[in-house]
Protein backbone atom coordinates (compact mmCIF):
# COMPACT_ATOMS: atom_id res chain seq x y z
CA UNK A 1 -152.57 20.97 -111.95
CA UNK A 2 -151.89 24.60 -111.07
CA UNK A 3 -148.51 25.50 -109.55
CA UNK A 4 -145.90 28.23 -110.09
CA UNK A 5 -142.81 26.02 -110.34
CA UNK A 6 -140.77 25.28 -113.48
CA UNK A 7 -140.46 21.63 -114.47
CA UNK A 8 -136.71 21.81 -113.87
CA UNK A 9 -137.26 22.90 -110.25
CA UNK A 10 -139.83 20.16 -109.62
CA UNK A 11 -137.51 17.56 -111.17
CA UNK A 12 -134.67 18.66 -108.94
CA UNK A 13 -136.85 18.52 -105.83
CA UNK A 14 -138.21 15.07 -106.71
CA UNK A 15 -134.87 13.67 -107.92
CA UNK A 16 -136.46 12.68 -111.24
CA UNK A 17 -135.82 13.57 -114.86
CA UNK A 18 -137.56 16.57 -116.40
CA UNK A 19 -139.14 14.25 -118.98
CA UNK A 20 -140.71 12.10 -116.25
CA UNK A 21 -142.08 15.17 -114.45
CA UNK A 22 -143.46 16.49 -117.73
CA UNK A 23 -145.28 13.19 -118.36
CA UNK A 24 -146.82 13.26 -114.89
CA UNK A 25 -147.92 16.90 -115.08
CA UNK A 26 -149.46 16.46 -118.52
CA UNK A 27 -151.04 13.07 -117.84
CA UNK A 28 -149.25 11.31 -120.69
CA UNK A 29 -149.06 7.95 -118.92
CA UNK A 30 -146.22 5.47 -118.82
CA UNK A 31 -145.30 6.49 -115.27
CA UNK A 32 -145.65 4.36 -112.15
CA UNK A 33 -148.15 5.55 -109.55
CA UNK A 34 -145.36 5.80 -106.95
CA UNK A 35 -143.39 8.09 -109.28
CA UNK A 36 -146.44 10.30 -109.80
CA UNK A 37 -146.80 10.55 -106.03
CA UNK A 38 -143.17 11.68 -105.78
CA UNK A 39 -143.86 14.49 -108.24
CA UNK A 40 -146.93 15.67 -106.34
CA UNK A 41 -145.04 15.45 -103.05
CA UNK A 42 -142.19 17.51 -104.53
CA UNK A 43 -144.65 20.23 -105.57
CA UNK A 44 -146.18 20.24 -102.09
CA UNK A 45 -142.71 20.51 -100.52
CA UNK A 46 -141.77 23.39 -102.83
CA UNK A 47 -145.02 25.19 -102.08
CA UNK A 48 -144.59 24.79 -98.32
CA UNK A 49 -140.96 25.87 -98.38
CA UNK A 50 -141.69 28.83 -100.66
CA UNK A 51 -143.81 30.41 -97.92
CA UNK A 52 -140.92 30.23 -95.45
CA UNK A 53 -137.89 31.38 -97.40
CA UNK A 54 -137.06 34.11 -99.89
CA UNK A 55 -135.03 32.79 -102.78
CA UNK A 56 -131.91 34.85 -102.19
CA UNK A 57 -128.32 33.92 -101.65
CA UNK A 58 -126.72 30.57 -102.29
CA UNK A 59 -128.99 27.54 -102.55
CA UNK A 60 -128.22 24.18 -100.92
CA UNK A 61 -130.15 21.05 -101.77
CA UNK A 62 -130.07 18.77 -98.72
CA UNK A 63 -131.48 15.24 -98.47
CA UNK A 64 -132.98 14.08 -95.16
CA UNK A 65 -132.93 10.27 -94.91
CA UNK A 66 -134.59 8.74 -91.87
CA UNK A 67 -135.82 5.42 -90.56
CA UNK A 68 -138.27 6.45 -87.88
CA UNK A 69 -141.97 6.29 -86.97
CA UNK A 70 -144.04 8.85 -88.86
CA UNK A 71 -144.69 10.89 -85.73
CA UNK A 72 -140.96 11.62 -85.31
CA UNK A 73 -140.24 12.12 -89.02
CA UNK A 74 -143.09 14.65 -89.11
CA UNK A 75 -141.56 16.47 -86.13
CA UNK A 76 -138.17 16.61 -87.88
CA UNK A 77 -139.71 17.93 -91.10
CA UNK A 78 -141.57 20.66 -89.19
CA UNK A 79 -138.44 21.59 -87.21
CA UNK A 80 -136.32 21.90 -90.35
CA UNK A 81 -138.84 23.96 -92.25
CA UNK A 82 -139.33 26.23 -89.24
CA UNK A 83 -135.56 26.87 -89.23
CA UNK A 84 -135.24 27.72 -92.91
CA UNK A 85 -135.70 31.50 -92.44
CA UNK A 86 -132.85 31.57 -89.88
CA UNK A 87 -130.42 30.25 -92.50
CA UNK A 88 -130.57 33.39 -94.67
CA UNK A 89 -128.88 34.63 -96.76
CA UNK A 90 -128.41 31.01 -97.81
CA UNK A 91 -131.44 29.07 -99.00
CA UNK A 92 -131.78 25.41 -98.02
CA UNK A 93 -134.07 23.24 -100.09
CA UNK A 94 -134.87 19.82 -98.67
CA UNK A 95 -135.79 16.43 -100.10
CA UNK A 96 -137.25 13.96 -97.63
CA UNK A 97 -136.77 10.19 -97.71
CA UNK A 98 -138.68 8.72 -94.78
CA UNK A 99 -139.59 5.15 -93.90
CA UNK A 100 -140.81 3.58 -90.69
CA UNK A 101 -139.10 0.19 -90.85
CA UNK A 102 -137.51 -2.34 -93.18
CA UNK A 103 -134.15 -3.96 -93.94
CA UNK A 104 -131.03 -1.85 -94.23
CA UNK A 105 -130.88 -2.55 -97.96
CA UNK A 106 -133.74 -0.12 -98.53
CA UNK A 107 -131.88 2.75 -96.90
CA UNK A 108 -128.67 1.78 -98.72
CA UNK A 109 -130.51 2.00 -102.04
CA UNK A 110 -131.72 5.51 -101.17
CA UNK A 111 -128.22 6.65 -100.14
CA UNK A 112 -126.63 5.18 -103.26
CA UNK A 113 -129.24 6.88 -105.45
CA UNK A 114 -128.37 10.21 -103.80
CA UNK A 115 -124.67 9.53 -104.38
CA UNK A 116 -125.32 9.02 -108.11
CA UNK A 117 -127.71 11.97 -108.45
CA UNK A 118 -125.80 14.45 -106.32
CA UNK A 119 -126.63 16.55 -103.28
CA UNK A 120 -125.06 19.31 -101.19
CA UNK A 121 -125.49 17.21 -98.05
CA UNK A 122 -127.33 14.36 -96.34
CA UNK A 123 -128.88 14.41 -92.86
CA UNK A 124 -129.17 10.79 -91.79
CA UNK A 125 -130.97 8.87 -89.06
CA UNK A 126 -130.22 5.20 -89.62
CA UNK A 127 -129.28 2.02 -87.78
CA UNK A 128 -125.60 1.49 -87.01
CA UNK A 129 -124.90 -1.48 -89.27
CA UNK A 130 -121.99 -2.11 -91.69
CA UNK A 131 -124.12 -1.69 -94.83
CA UNK A 132 -125.12 1.85 -93.83
CA UNK A 133 -121.56 2.73 -92.82
CA UNK A 134 -120.33 1.59 -96.25
CA UNK A 135 -123.02 3.65 -98.01
CA UNK A 136 -121.95 6.75 -96.06
CA UNK A 137 -118.42 6.07 -97.29
CA UNK A 138 -119.65 6.07 -100.88
CA UNK A 139 -121.42 9.41 -100.32
CA UNK A 140 -118.23 10.87 -98.89
CA UNK A 141 -116.27 9.58 -101.88
CA UNK A 142 -118.77 11.35 -104.13
CA UNK A 143 -118.10 14.63 -102.28
CA UNK A 144 -121.41 14.63 -100.41
CA UNK A 145 -121.10 15.46 -96.68
CA UNK A 146 -123.20 13.40 -94.26
CA UNK A 147 -124.37 14.59 -90.84
CA UNK A 148 -125.97 12.04 -88.51
CA UNK A 149 -129.11 13.16 -86.71
CA UNK A 150 -130.24 11.93 -83.25
CA UNK A 151 -128.38 8.61 -83.55
CA UNK A 152 -124.73 8.42 -84.57
CA UNK A 153 -122.60 6.29 -86.90
CA UNK A 154 -119.25 7.01 -85.23
CA UNK A 155 -117.04 4.77 -87.37
CA UNK A 156 -118.50 6.05 -90.64
CA UNK A 157 -117.20 8.85 -92.86
CA UNK A 158 -119.86 11.29 -91.61
CA UNK A 159 -118.57 14.83 -90.98
CA UNK A 160 -120.44 15.32 -87.70
CA UNK A 161 -123.35 14.45 -85.46
CA UNK A 162 -126.15 16.48 -83.89
CA UNK A 163 -128.28 15.36 -80.97
CA UNK A 164 -128.31 15.03 -77.21
CA UNK A 165 -125.97 13.12 -74.90
CA UNK A 166 -127.90 9.88 -74.89
CA UNK A 167 -126.07 8.30 -71.96
CA UNK A 168 -126.86 11.38 -69.89
CA UNK A 169 -130.48 11.19 -71.03
CA UNK A 170 -130.71 7.57 -69.90
CA UNK A 171 -129.11 8.44 -66.56
CA UNK A 172 -131.60 11.30 -66.14
CA UNK A 173 -134.47 8.90 -66.78
CA UNK A 174 -133.07 6.56 -64.10
CA UNK A 175 -132.81 9.42 -61.62
CA UNK A 176 -136.44 10.43 -62.24
CA UNK A 177 -137.61 6.83 -62.10
CA UNK A 178 -135.91 6.24 -58.77
CA UNK A 179 -137.22 9.46 -57.26
CA UNK A 180 -140.82 8.84 -58.29
CA UNK A 181 -140.97 5.13 -57.50
CA UNK A 182 -139.30 5.63 -54.16
CA UNK A 183 -139.60 2.57 -51.96
CA UNK A 184 -142.59 1.15 -53.77
CA UNK A 185 -142.03 -2.37 -55.10
CA UNK A 186 -142.14 -3.10 -58.80
CA UNK A 187 -140.04 -3.86 -61.84
CA UNK A 188 -139.29 -1.41 -64.65
CA UNK A 189 -139.99 -2.20 -68.32
CA UNK A 190 -137.39 -0.72 -70.69
CA UNK A 191 -138.55 -0.55 -74.29
CA UNK A 192 -136.30 -0.06 -77.34
CA UNK A 193 -137.48 0.24 -80.92
CA UNK A 194 -134.39 -1.61 -82.17
CA UNK A 195 -131.03 -2.76 -80.89
CA UNK A 196 -129.34 -1.31 -83.99
CA UNK A 197 -129.89 2.38 -83.21
CA UNK A 198 -126.88 3.64 -81.28
CA UNK A 199 -128.81 6.41 -79.52
CA UNK A 200 -131.20 3.89 -78.01
CA UNK A 201 -128.36 1.59 -76.97
CA UNK A 202 -126.61 4.51 -75.25
CA UNK A 203 -129.80 5.60 -73.48
CA UNK A 204 -130.31 2.04 -72.24
CA UNK A 205 -126.73 1.81 -70.98
CA UNK A 206 -127.02 5.14 -69.15
CA UNK A 207 -130.31 4.08 -67.59
CA UNK A 208 -129.15 0.62 -66.60
CA UNK A 209 -125.84 1.73 -65.07
CA UNK A 210 -127.48 4.50 -63.05
CA UNK A 211 -130.29 2.24 -61.83
CA UNK A 212 -127.72 -0.37 -60.83
CA UNK A 213 -125.73 2.19 -58.85
CA UNK A 214 -128.65 3.96 -57.19
CA UNK A 215 -131.29 1.22 -56.96
CA UNK A 216 -129.52 -2.14 -57.16
CA UNK A 217 -132.58 -4.07 -56.00
CA UNK A 218 -134.82 -2.86 -58.83
CA UNK A 219 -135.31 -5.40 -61.65
CA UNK A 220 -135.26 -4.15 -65.26
CA UNK A 221 -137.21 -6.04 -67.93
CA UNK A 222 -136.20 -5.27 -71.54
CA UNK A 223 -138.22 -5.56 -74.73
CA UNK A 224 -136.95 -4.56 -78.16
CA UNK A 225 -137.62 -4.60 -81.92
CA UNK A 226 -141.05 -2.96 -81.67
CA UNK A 227 -139.74 -0.37 -84.18
CA UNK A 228 -141.60 2.31 -82.21
CA UNK A 229 -144.80 1.29 -84.01
CA UNK A 230 -148.03 0.83 -82.10
CA UNK A 231 -149.02 -2.38 -83.89
CA UNK A 232 -145.90 -4.29 -82.89
CA UNK A 233 -145.32 -2.51 -79.58
CA UNK A 234 -148.66 -3.58 -78.12
CA UNK A 235 -147.96 -7.29 -78.52
CA UNK A 236 -144.48 -7.00 -77.01
CA UNK A 237 -145.70 -5.08 -73.96
CA UNK A 238 -148.71 -7.31 -73.41
CA UNK A 239 -146.51 -10.41 -73.52
CA UNK A 240 -144.06 -8.85 -71.05
CA UNK A 241 -146.87 -8.00 -68.65
CA UNK A 242 -148.18 -11.55 -68.82
CA UNK A 243 -144.71 -12.96 -68.08
CA UNK A 244 -143.94 -10.57 -65.23
CA UNK A 245 -146.72 -9.53 -62.83
CA UNK A 246 -144.31 -7.18 -61.01
CA UNK A 247 -143.84 -4.61 -63.82
CA UNK A 248 -145.05 -1.26 -62.47
CA UNK A 249 -143.17 1.37 -64.49
CA UNK A 250 -141.87 2.07 -68.00
CA UNK A 251 -138.84 3.76 -69.48
CA UNK A 252 -139.73 4.12 -73.15
CA UNK A 253 -136.54 4.57 -75.15
CA UNK A 254 -137.97 3.93 -78.61
CA UNK A 255 -141.60 5.08 -78.59
CA UNK A 256 -144.91 3.37 -79.30
CA UNK A 257 -146.27 4.82 -76.07
CA UNK A 258 -149.95 4.83 -76.96
CA UNK A 259 -149.75 1.08 -77.53
CA UNK A 260 -147.78 0.57 -74.31
CA UNK A 261 -150.41 2.34 -72.24
CA UNK A 262 -153.20 0.44 -73.97
CA UNK A 263 -151.48 -2.84 -73.11
CA UNK A 264 -151.37 -1.84 -69.43
CA UNK A 265 -155.04 -0.86 -69.55
CA UNK A 266 -156.13 -4.07 -71.27
CA UNK A 267 -154.16 -6.11 -68.71
CA UNK A 268 -155.80 -4.08 -65.91
CA UNK A 269 -152.38 -3.07 -64.64
CA UNK A 270 -151.22 0.28 -63.26
CA UNK A 271 -148.24 2.10 -64.75
CA UNK A 272 -147.03 4.13 -61.77
CA UNK A 273 -144.21 5.99 -63.57
CA UNK A 274 -143.75 6.43 -67.33
CA UNK A 275 -140.71 8.30 -68.71
CA UNK A 276 -140.48 8.77 -72.48
CA UNK A 277 -138.48 10.68 -75.12
CA UNK A 278 -139.35 13.50 -77.56
CA UNK A 279 -142.27 15.91 -77.66
CA UNK A 280 -143.84 14.52 -80.81
CA UNK A 281 -147.58 14.77 -81.40
CA UNK A 282 -148.42 11.56 -79.52
CA UNK A 283 -146.28 12.32 -76.47
CA UNK A 284 -147.51 15.90 -76.26
CA UNK A 285 -151.09 14.67 -76.05
CA UNK A 286 -150.26 11.92 -73.54
CA UNK A 287 -148.36 14.37 -71.36
CA UNK A 288 -151.24 16.87 -71.38
CA UNK A 289 -153.53 14.02 -70.32
CA UNK A 290 -151.11 13.17 -67.44
CA UNK A 291 -150.63 9.69 -68.84
CA UNK A 292 -146.86 10.21 -69.04
CA UNK A 293 -144.83 11.28 -66.01
CA UNK A 294 -142.16 13.13 -68.00
CA UNK A 295 -140.72 13.44 -71.48
CA UNK A 296 -136.99 13.90 -72.06
CA UNK A 297 -136.78 16.30 -74.95
CA UNK A 298 -134.14 18.16 -76.91
CA UNK A 299 -134.55 21.05 -79.33
CA UNK A 300 -134.92 19.57 -82.80
CA UNK A 301 -134.83 23.02 -84.37
CA UNK A 302 -131.42 23.60 -82.83
CA UNK A 303 -130.23 20.22 -84.12
CA UNK A 304 -131.45 20.87 -87.66
CA UNK A 305 -129.93 24.35 -87.69
CA UNK A 306 -126.56 22.96 -86.56
CA UNK A 307 -126.74 20.16 -89.14
CA UNK A 308 -127.37 22.65 -91.95
CA UNK A 309 -124.47 24.80 -90.75
CA UNK A 310 -122.21 21.71 -90.87
CA UNK A 311 -123.23 21.11 -94.47
CA UNK A 312 -122.58 24.75 -95.35
CA UNK A 313 -119.15 24.62 -93.72
CA UNK A 314 -118.32 21.43 -95.62
CA UNK A 315 -119.26 23.25 -98.83
CA UNK A 316 -117.03 26.22 -97.96
CA UNK A 317 -119.92 28.63 -97.41
CA UNK A 318 -119.21 29.20 -93.70
CA UNK A 319 -115.91 29.48 -91.81
CA UNK A 320 -114.72 26.50 -89.75
CA UNK A 321 -116.09 26.16 -86.22
CA UNK A 322 -115.30 24.18 -83.09
CA UNK A 323 -116.95 20.91 -82.10
CA UNK A 324 -120.74 20.89 -81.91
CA UNK A 325 -121.92 20.42 -78.33
CA UNK A 326 -124.72 17.98 -77.49
CA UNK A 327 -128.22 19.41 -77.32
CA UNK A 328 -129.46 20.24 -73.84
CA UNK A 329 -131.78 17.64 -72.29
CA UNK A 330 -135.08 19.13 -71.19
CA UNK A 331 -137.25 17.38 -68.59
CA UNK A 332 -140.81 18.23 -69.60
CA UNK A 333 -143.74 17.43 -67.30
CA UNK A 334 -147.44 18.23 -67.65
CA UNK A 335 -146.71 21.45 -65.74
CA UNK A 336 -143.91 23.01 -67.81
CA UNK A 337 -144.87 22.15 -71.36
CA UNK A 338 -143.68 24.64 -73.98
CA UNK A 339 -146.28 26.75 -75.72
CA UNK A 340 -147.37 25.42 -79.14
CA UNK A 341 -145.35 26.87 -82.02
CA UNK A 342 -147.10 29.66 -83.88
CA UNK A 343 -146.77 29.55 -87.66
CA UNK A 344 -145.02 32.61 -89.03
């Protein structure tokens, strides 16, 4: 296969030995198919990143580890790679470790592998469970700084967190919901992808407390553990609609919004107000089609830039700075959507 990258650079990007990469590139066999895919993915990442950065200055290899639906992981990857030119004169190279769902042990294995192999920093989106907290401690002991992204692990050894104020986001959703529903009757479905992501828990608490204070007569119906995936989300929403004929609105904390809307349609039910999070590909399309009322969004590029700066400061490449402020919450409707990003 044609590519301009030395085997050593590909091996570093893939986190594999040079001998393994050499076997894959020369078709010598004895390599698992999944390993071969990692090599090809590393070459694709290097090629994509090469077009966005000049190889000058100090180089930082950063690992991005996320449990998230593909639509959000793709948005994070695009946001990071769009920010790479702004980090000059430093060069940030990234390795991505994405998965949609699964037990915590899978993420722990990835984090422990990074601890053994080495990295200049880890950007982490993971559930707040003891196994993950312990793995972050092992990374810190190995001298690898960890920055949590979107959802925090506050009792871990992470060096910082980037993201929005999730309680404020939930309260904002409650304010919008109350304004748009007005005096119309109906219950509100709140949907979480998992009870183990702290950002979703905080959004739910902000929403619930504000609804209780402003609209104490409005009933909230919660579903969870859909993992933000359409396949599981549809069944959960459809079952909730069958149990409760009064559900008329949705606050989607964890995603799976295409499936949620399909469940309403198949049940021949109206969704009068639908507030969601993040301008990923799915939500952008649904908002343009006026199928969502509003999306609460924050600037992922800003978050990724701040996370990389934290890593650089931890490595002594930047001077110390004050606390990182939460990202601003943007209320995006079909009438104020940002222009599509233009590739540079």
